[in-house]
Amino acid sequence: MTTFLTYFIVALAVIGLVQIVRIFELATKLRGEQEIGVTEKENHFNGLAMLIVGIGFVLFVAYSFKLWGYLLLPESASEHGAAIKGLWDATMYLILFVFFVTQPLLFWFSYKYRGRKGNQALYQTHNNKLEVLWTSVPAVVLTGLIVYGLNTWNSVMMPDTSKANVMEVYAQQFYWTARYAGNDNSLGEANYTLIGGVNTLGVDINDTASFDDIVVREIHLPVNQQVLMKFRSQDVIHSAYLPHFGVQMNCVPGMNTQFAFTPIKTTVEMRNELGDDEFDYVLLCNKICGAAHYNMQIKVVVETQEEYEAWLQEQETFDSLITSK
């Protein structure tokens, strides 16, 4: 009822505003057209106001970057993060350079060339030199930026994964499940039609590659070792997002996706660096996938190779899990 009354009041307010505007229009017509004159004093005031507001806006942008700039793209805990950070910095420096050059000039010209008696606008139909200048300079700069971006994209998205540790992250409303490839470093085949009982991931129990797979609800990664993370989804489109590693990949039903990266800081190192003993890496869902989307996350632990291998030894293989049930 409260929602209905709110919408009803807003609708009445809009109708009332429209009627008031209509009354002013009718009153203007009844009075007849009146010549509206703008004085030189008003032009001066408007130009000065534009200059003050514009310069204030530019200063606020500079202050905002100084105050909150560290929040834009923090240092990544993955190897490829440095390349992404370099691309980000190059793009931002270029944008900010153009912004801080053009915006003050824009507001200054608005004030300098305000309406004044005796001033006459310059009319110029065409200038070949200016046309070439403002076409070629942006074209060259943007071409360089695009080539830089494509090279970065290729290096991040198509690395050599021949020596990577293979694992899978399985998405479903509203939690994640991880599956490690085991000693053979090869994941067994899986299909949603095979889901049933304890086989919640639909792993093919007849595929010998699946026997040593390990299914867990917490992700462990060895530091400085590349991991090839494969993704599947059971129900809707999810998005696997590891913010601290600069990793994001959609999980699409009926489609296999993947992302390879190398973590370079253990959880302990990050805790010491941040001064936060409770810090943990997380894998989140970055798609609005339903009512409990906000709670869809899984803990990620980055540790030494020895700690990682010791943890793996403690986990039950898929073959043992199926046999025991």
Protein backbone atom coordinates (compact mmCIF):
# COMPACT_ATOMS: atom_id res chain seq x y z
CA MET A 1 0.00 0.00 0.00
CA THR A 2 2.84 2.37 0.85
CA THR A 3 4.46 1.75 -2.53
CA PHE A 4 1.19 2.46 -4.32
CA LEU A 5 0.72 5.74 -2.43
CA THR A 6 4.29 6.76 -3.23
CA TYR A 7 3.79 6.21 -6.96
CA PHE A 8 0.40 7.93 -6.80
CA ILE A 9 1.86 11.05 -5.14
CA VAL A 10 4.74 11.18 -7.64
CA ALA A 11 2.24 10.91 -10.52
CA LEU A 12 0.15 13.76 -9.08
CA ALA A 13 3.26 15.90 -8.67
CA VAL A 14 4.26 15.33 -12.30
CA ILE A 15 0.73 16.15 -13.50
CA GLY A 16 0.71 19.30 -11.36
CA LEU A 17 4.08 20.41 -12.75
CA VAL A 18 2.87 19.88 -16.32
CA GLN A 19 -0.24 21.95 -15.64
CA ILE A 20 1.81 24.78 -14.11
CA VAL A 21 4.05 24.88 -17.18
CA ARG A 22 0.94 24.90 -19.37
CA ILE A 23 -0.49 27.87 -17.44
CA PHE A 24 2.73 29.84 -17.97
CA GLU A 25 2.60 29.07 -21.71
CA LEU A 26 -1.01 30.27 -21.96
CA ALA A 27 -0.23 33.41 -19.95
CA THR A 28 2.67 34.18 -22.30
CA LYS A 29 0.42 33.81 -25.35
CA LEU A 30 -2.21 36.11 -23.82
CA ARG A 31 0.39 38.80 -23.13
CA GLY A 32 1.70 38.48 -26.65
CA GLU A 33 5.29 37.93 -27.74
CA GLN A 34 7.80 40.03 -25.86
CA GLU A 35 11.27 40.85 -26.97
CA ILE A 36 13.82 39.29 -24.67
CA GLY A 37 17.02 41.27 -24.39
CA VAL A 38 20.31 40.02 -22.92
CA THR A 39 22.51 42.72 -21.48
CA GLU A 40 26.31 42.82 -21.58
CA LYS A 41 26.31 42.56 -17.79
CA GLU A 42 24.36 39.30 -17.95
CA ASN A 43 26.76 37.90 -20.55
CA HIS A 44 29.70 38.82 -18.35
CA PHE A 45 28.10 37.16 -15.32
CA ASN A 46 27.25 33.98 -17.23
CA GLY A 47 30.75 33.74 -18.75
CA LEU A 48 32.38 34.28 -15.36
CA ALA A 49 30.08 31.72 -13.73
CA MET A 50 30.97 29.21 -16.45
CA LEU A 51 34.70 29.83 -15.85
CA ILE A 52 34.43 29.44 -12.07
CA VAL A 53 32.31 26.30 -12.21
CA GLY A 54 34.51 24.78 -14.93
CA ILE A 55 37.79 25.42 -13.12
CA GLY A 56 36.19 24.13 -9.91
CA PHE A 57 35.18 20.96 -11.74
CA VAL A 58 38.71 20.40 -13.06
CA LEU A 59 40.20 20.95 -9.58
CA PHE A 60 37.65 18.55 -8.07
CA VAL A 61 38.62 15.85 -10.59
CA ALA A 62 42.31 16.31 -9.72
CA TYR A 63 41.52 16.17 -6.00
CA SER A 64 39.38 13.05 -6.47
CA PHE A 65 42.23 11.20 -8.18
CA LYS A 66 44.63 12.22 -5.42
CA LEU A 67 42.20 11.14 -2.71
CA TRP A 68 40.69 7.96 -4.19
CA GLY A 69 42.97 7.09 -7.10
CA TYR A 70 44.43 4.08 -5.27
CA LEU A 71 40.98 2.44 -5.43
CA LEU A 72 40.82 2.39 -9.24
CA LEU A 73 43.02 -0.62 -10.00
CA PRO A 74 45.10 -1.93 -7.10
CA GLU A 75 48.25 -3.96 -7.61
CA SER A 76 47.37 -7.46 -8.77
CA ALA A 77 48.44 -10.67 -7.02
CA SER A 78 48.91 -12.45 -10.35
CA GLU A 79 51.67 -12.47 -12.94
CA HIS A 80 49.55 -11.11 -15.78
CA GLY A 81 48.19 -8.33 -13.53
CA ALA A 82 51.25 -6.18 -14.26
CA ALA A 83 50.45 -6.18 -17.99
CA ILE A 84 46.83 -5.18 -17.34
CA LYS A 85 47.96 -2.50 -14.90
CA GLY A 86 50.36 -1.12 -17.51
CA LEU A 87 47.58 -0.92 -20.11
CA TRP A 88 45.25 0.71 -17.58
CA ASP A 89 47.87 3.29 -16.56
CA ALA A 90 48.74 4.16 -20.17
CA THR A 91 45.06 4.66 -21.01
CA MET A 92 44.33 6.74 -17.91
CA TYR A 93 47.41 8.95 -18.35
CA LEU A 94 46.37 9.66 -21.94
CA ILE A 95 42.76 10.42 -20.96
CA LEU A 96 43.79 12.65 -18.06
CA PHE A 97 46.34 14.53 -20.18
CA VAL A 98 43.71 15.34 -22.79
CA PHE A 99 41.17 16.21 -20.07
CA PHE A 100 43.42 18.62 -18.17
CA VAL A 101 44.49 20.34 -21.39
CA THR A 102 41.15 20.69 -23.13
CA GLN A 103 38.74 21.36 -20.25
CA PRO A 104 40.43 24.48 -18.82
CA LEU A 105 40.72 25.83 -22.39
CA LEU A 106 37.04 25.12 -23.01
CA PHE A 107 35.91 27.04 -19.93
CA TRP A 108 38.41 29.86 -20.52
CA PHE A 109 37.20 30.34 -24.09
CA SER A 110 33.59 30.36 -22.84
CA TYR A 111 34.51 33.33 -20.69
CA LYS A 112 36.90 35.09 -23.08
CA TYR A 113 34.53 35.00 -26.03
CA ARG A 114 31.34 35.80 -24.12
CA GLY A 115 28.82 38.06 -25.83
CA ARG A 116 29.97 41.69 -25.93
CA LYS A 117 28.97 44.65 -28.02
CA GLY A 118 31.15 45.09 -31.05
CA ASN A 119 32.38 41.48 -31.09
CA GLN A 120 31.97 39.66 -34.35
CA ALA A 121 32.33 35.89 -34.77
CA LEU A 122 34.94 34.56 -37.18
CA TYR A 123 33.35 32.57 -39.99
CA GLN A 124 35.64 30.03 -41.62
CA THR A 125 34.29 27.48 -44.07
CA HIS A 126 37.27 25.14 -44.34
CA ASN A 127 40.91 24.68 -43.33
CA ASN A 128 42.82 21.72 -44.75
CA LYS A 129 45.67 21.93 -42.25
CA LEU A 130 43.32 21.88 -39.26
CA GLU A 131 41.32 19.00 -40.76
CA VAL A 132 44.48 16.92 -41.21
CA LEU A 133 45.73 17.82 -37.71
CA TRP A 134 42.64 16.93 -35.70
CA THR A 135 42.05 13.79 -37.76
CA SER A 136 45.57 12.37 -37.92
CA VAL A 137 46.68 13.02 -34.31
CA PRO A 138 43.77 11.15 -32.64
CA ALA A 139 44.01 8.40 -35.28
CA VAL A 140 47.72 7.81 -34.61
CA VAL A 141 47.34 7.92 -30.81
CA LEU A 142 44.32 5.60 -30.77
CA THR A 143 45.98 3.17 -33.20
CA GLY A 144 48.97 2.91 -30.88
CA LEU A 145 46.69 2.37 -27.88
CA ILE A 146 44.66 -0.30 -29.70
CA VAL A 147 47.80 -2.19 -30.81
CA TYR A 148 49.10 -2.05 -27.23
CA GLY A 149 45.74 -3.34 -25.96
CA LEU A 150 45.62 -6.21 -28.48
CA ASN A 151 49.14 -7.32 -27.56
CA THR A 152 48.22 -7.25 -23.88
CA TRP A 153 45.00 -9.18 -24.57
CA ASN A 154 46.84 -11.85 -26.55
CA SER A 155 49.49 -12.31 -23.87
CA VAL A 156 46.86 -12.59 -21.11
CA MET A 157 44.25 -14.70 -22.89
CA MET A 158 46.46 -17.03 -24.95
CA PRO A 159 49.44 -18.03 -22.79
CA ASP A 160 51.32 -21.33 -23.04
CA THR A 161 49.46 -23.69 -20.67
CA SER A 162 51.40 -26.90 -21.37
CA LYS A 163 52.82 -26.94 -17.82
CA ALA A 164 49.80 -25.52 -15.99
CA ASN A 165 48.00 -27.28 -13.16
CA VAL A 166 44.51 -28.12 -14.45
CA MET A 167 41.38 -27.68 -12.35
CA GLU A 168 37.69 -26.91 -12.82
CA VAL A 169 35.32 -24.50 -11.10
CA TYR A 170 31.66 -25.53 -11.32
CA ALA A 171 28.93 -22.89 -10.86
CA GLN A 172 25.37 -23.43 -9.72
CA GLN A 173 22.86 -21.38 -7.79
CA PHE A 174 24.23 -20.32 -5.39
CA TYR A 175 27.66 -21.82 -4.73
CA TRP A 176 30.87 -23.00 -6.34
CA THR A 177 32.50 -26.42 -6.41
CA ALA A 178 36.13 -27.04 -7.43
CA ARG A 179 37.51 -30.17 -9.12
CA TYR A 180 41.24 -30.87 -9.38
CA ALA A 181 42.72 -33.03 -12.12
CA GLY A 182 44.77 -35.22 -9.77
CA ASN A 183 48.13 -36.84 -10.54
CA ASP A 184 47.46 -37.26 -14.26
CA ASN A 185 46.69 -33.50 -14.59
CA SER A 186 43.72 -34.39 -16.81
CA LEU A 187 40.10 -33.83 -15.86
CA GLY A 188 37.60 -36.58 -16.53
CA GLU A 189 34.75 -35.88 -18.93
CA ALA A 190 31.54 -34.49 -17.44
CA ASN A 191 27.98 -33.86 -18.57
CA TYR A 192 24.96 -32.46 -16.77
CA THR A 193 22.92 -35.54 -17.73
CA LEU A 194 25.16 -37.63 -15.43
CA ILE A 195 24.34 -35.59 -12.33
CA GLY A 196 22.90 -37.73 -9.58
CA GLY A 197 23.50 -38.71 -5.95
CA VAL A 198 27.00 -37.74 -4.80
CA ASN A 199 28.01 -37.08 -8.41
CA THR A 200 26.84 -33.45 -8.25
CA LEU A 201 29.14 -32.35 -11.08
CA GLY A 202 28.04 -34.95 -13.63
CA VAL A 203 31.51 -36.49 -13.91
CA ASP A 204 31.72 -39.57 -16.16
CA ILE A 205 32.58 -42.43 -13.79
CA ASN A 206 33.62 -44.60 -16.74
CA ASP A 207 36.33 -42.15 -17.83
CA THR A 208 39.60 -43.35 -16.28
CA ALA A 209 40.89 -39.77 -16.22
CA SER A 210 38.23 -38.97 -13.61
CA PHE A 211 39.34 -41.61 -11.08
CA ASP A 212 41.97 -39.40 -9.43
CA ASP A 213 39.97 -36.16 -9.73
CA ILE A 214 39.43 -34.37 -6.43
CA VAL A 215 36.15 -32.55 -5.66
CA VAL A 216 36.33 -29.87 -2.94
CA ARG A 217 34.53 -26.76 -1.71
CA GLU A 218 37.67 -24.67 -1.18
CA ILE A 219 40.22 -23.66 -3.80
CA HIS A 220 43.94 -24.08 -3.07
CA LEU A 221 46.60 -22.80 -5.46
CA PRO A 222 50.41 -23.10 -5.31
CA VAL A 223 52.22 -19.77 -5.51
CA ASN A 224 54.25 -19.01 -8.66
CA GLN A 225 52.67 -21.99 -10.46
CA GLN A 226 50.40 -21.47 -13.45
CA VAL A 227 46.86 -22.81 -13.08
CA LEU A 228 44.48 -23.49 -15.97
CA MET A 229 41.06 -22.91 -14.45
CA LYS A 230 38.18 -24.35 -16.47
CA PHE A 231 34.58 -23.25 -15.89
CA ARG A 232 31.15 -24.83 -16.29
CA SER A 233 27.66 -23.82 -15.16
CA GLN A 234 24.72 -26.04 -14.28
CA ASP A 235 21.82 -23.60 -14.49
CA VAL A 236 22.25 -19.94 -15.52
CA ILE A 237 25.09 -17.69 -16.65
CA HIS A 238 27.47 -16.97 -13.78
CA SER A 239 30.71 -15.03 -13.88
CA ALA A 240 33.75 -16.31 -12.01
CA TYR A 241 35.55 -13.26 -10.65
CA LEU A 242 38.81 -13.32 -8.71
CA PRO A 243 39.31 -9.59 -8.05
CA HIS A 244 42.75 -9.84 -6.46
CA PHE A 245 44.17 -11.72 -9.46
CA GLY A 246 42.58 -9.70 -12.27
CA VAL A 247 40.62 -12.74 -13.44
CA GLN A 248 37.04 -12.88 -14.71
CA MET A 249 35.39 -15.41 -16.99
CA ASN A 250 31.74 -16.18 -17.74
CA CYS A 251 30.39 -19.61 -16.82
CA VAL A 252 27.82 -20.49 -19.49
CA PRO A 253 25.52 -23.54 -19.42
CA GLY A 254 26.46 -25.95 -22.19
CA MET A 255 29.80 -24.25 -22.85
CA ASN A 256 33.31 -24.77 -21.46
CA THR A 257 35.39 -21.65 -20.77
CA GLN A 258 38.80 -21.24 -19.18
CA PHE A 259 41.40 -18.78 -17.90
CA ALA A 260 45.08 -19.37 -17.10
CA PHE A 261 46.96 -17.29 -14.54
CA THR A 262 49.84 -17.47 -12.08
CA PRO A 263 49.36 -16.27 -8.47
CA ILE A 264 52.48 -14.53 -7.15
CA LYS A 265 51.54 -13.78 -3.54
CA THR A 266 50.49 -16.29 -0.93
CA THR A 267 47.58 -15.61 1.39
CA VAL A 268 50.06 -15.15 4.26
CA GLU A 269 52.07 -12.61 2.25
CA MET A 270 48.94 -10.64 1.41
CA ARG A 271 47.88 -10.64 5.05
CA ASN A 272 51.26 -9.28 6.08
CA GLU A 273 51.23 -6.71 3.28
CA LEU A 274 47.75 -5.48 4.17
CA GLY A 275 48.18 -5.80 7.92
CA ASP A 276 44.98 -7.85 8.04
CA ASP A 277 45.20 -11.30 9.67
CA GLU A 278 41.68 -12.17 8.50
CA PHE A 279 42.22 -11.46 4.78
CA ASP A 280 41.33 -14.22 2.33
CA TYR A 281 41.28 -14.40 -1.45
CA VAL A 282 37.82 -15.11 -2.81
CA LEU A 283 36.14 -16.20 -6.02
CA LEU A 284 32.86 -14.33 -6.49
CA CYS A 285 29.99 -14.40 -8.95
CA ASN A 286 29.93 -11.18 -10.95
CA LYS A 287 26.60 -11.81 -12.65
CA ILE A 288 23.24 -11.15 -11.01
CA CYS A 289 22.25 -14.81 -11.07
CA GLY A 290 19.34 -14.87 -8.62
CA ALA A 291 18.13 -14.03 -5.13
CA ALA A 292 21.23 -15.31 -3.30
CA HIS A 293 23.75 -13.98 -5.81
CA TYR A 294 25.33 -11.72 -3.18
CA ASN A 295 26.36 -14.78 -1.13
CA MET A 296 27.88 -16.83 -3.97
CA GLN A 297 31.57 -17.06 -3.19
CA ILE A 298 34.29 -19.59 -2.42
CA LYS A 299 37.48 -19.16 -0.43
CA VAL A 300 40.79 -19.26 -2.33
CA VAL A 301 44.04 -20.14 -0.54
CA VAL A 302 47.39 -19.42 -2.17
CA GLU A 303 50.22 -21.30 -0.47
CA THR A 304 53.66 -22.79 -1.03
CA GLN A 305 54.12 -25.85 -3.24
CA GLU A 306 54.78 -28.02 -0.20
CA GLU A 307 51.63 -26.84 1.58
CA TYR A 308 49.60 -27.32 -1.59
CA GLU A 309 50.81 -30.90 -2.11
CA ALA A 310 50.18 -31.74 1.54
CA TRP A 311 46.62 -30.42 1.23
CA LEU A 312 46.01 -32.46 -1.93
CA GLN A 313 47.15 -35.63 -0.19
CA GLU A 314 44.47 -35.11 2.46
CA GLN A 315 41.63 -34.93 -0.09
CA GLU A 316 39.52 -37.87 -1.22
CA THR A 317 39.65 -38.83 -4.90
CA PHE A 318 36.49 -39.04 -6.99
CA ASP A 319 36.87 -42.81 -7.42
CA SER A 320 37.05 -43.30 -3.66
CA LEU A 321 34.08 -40.98 -3.14
CA ILE A 322 31.87 -42.90 -5.58
CA THR A 323 33.01 -46.31 -4.31
CA SER A 324 32.40 -45.44 -0.67
CA LYS A 325 28.83 -44.35 -1.46
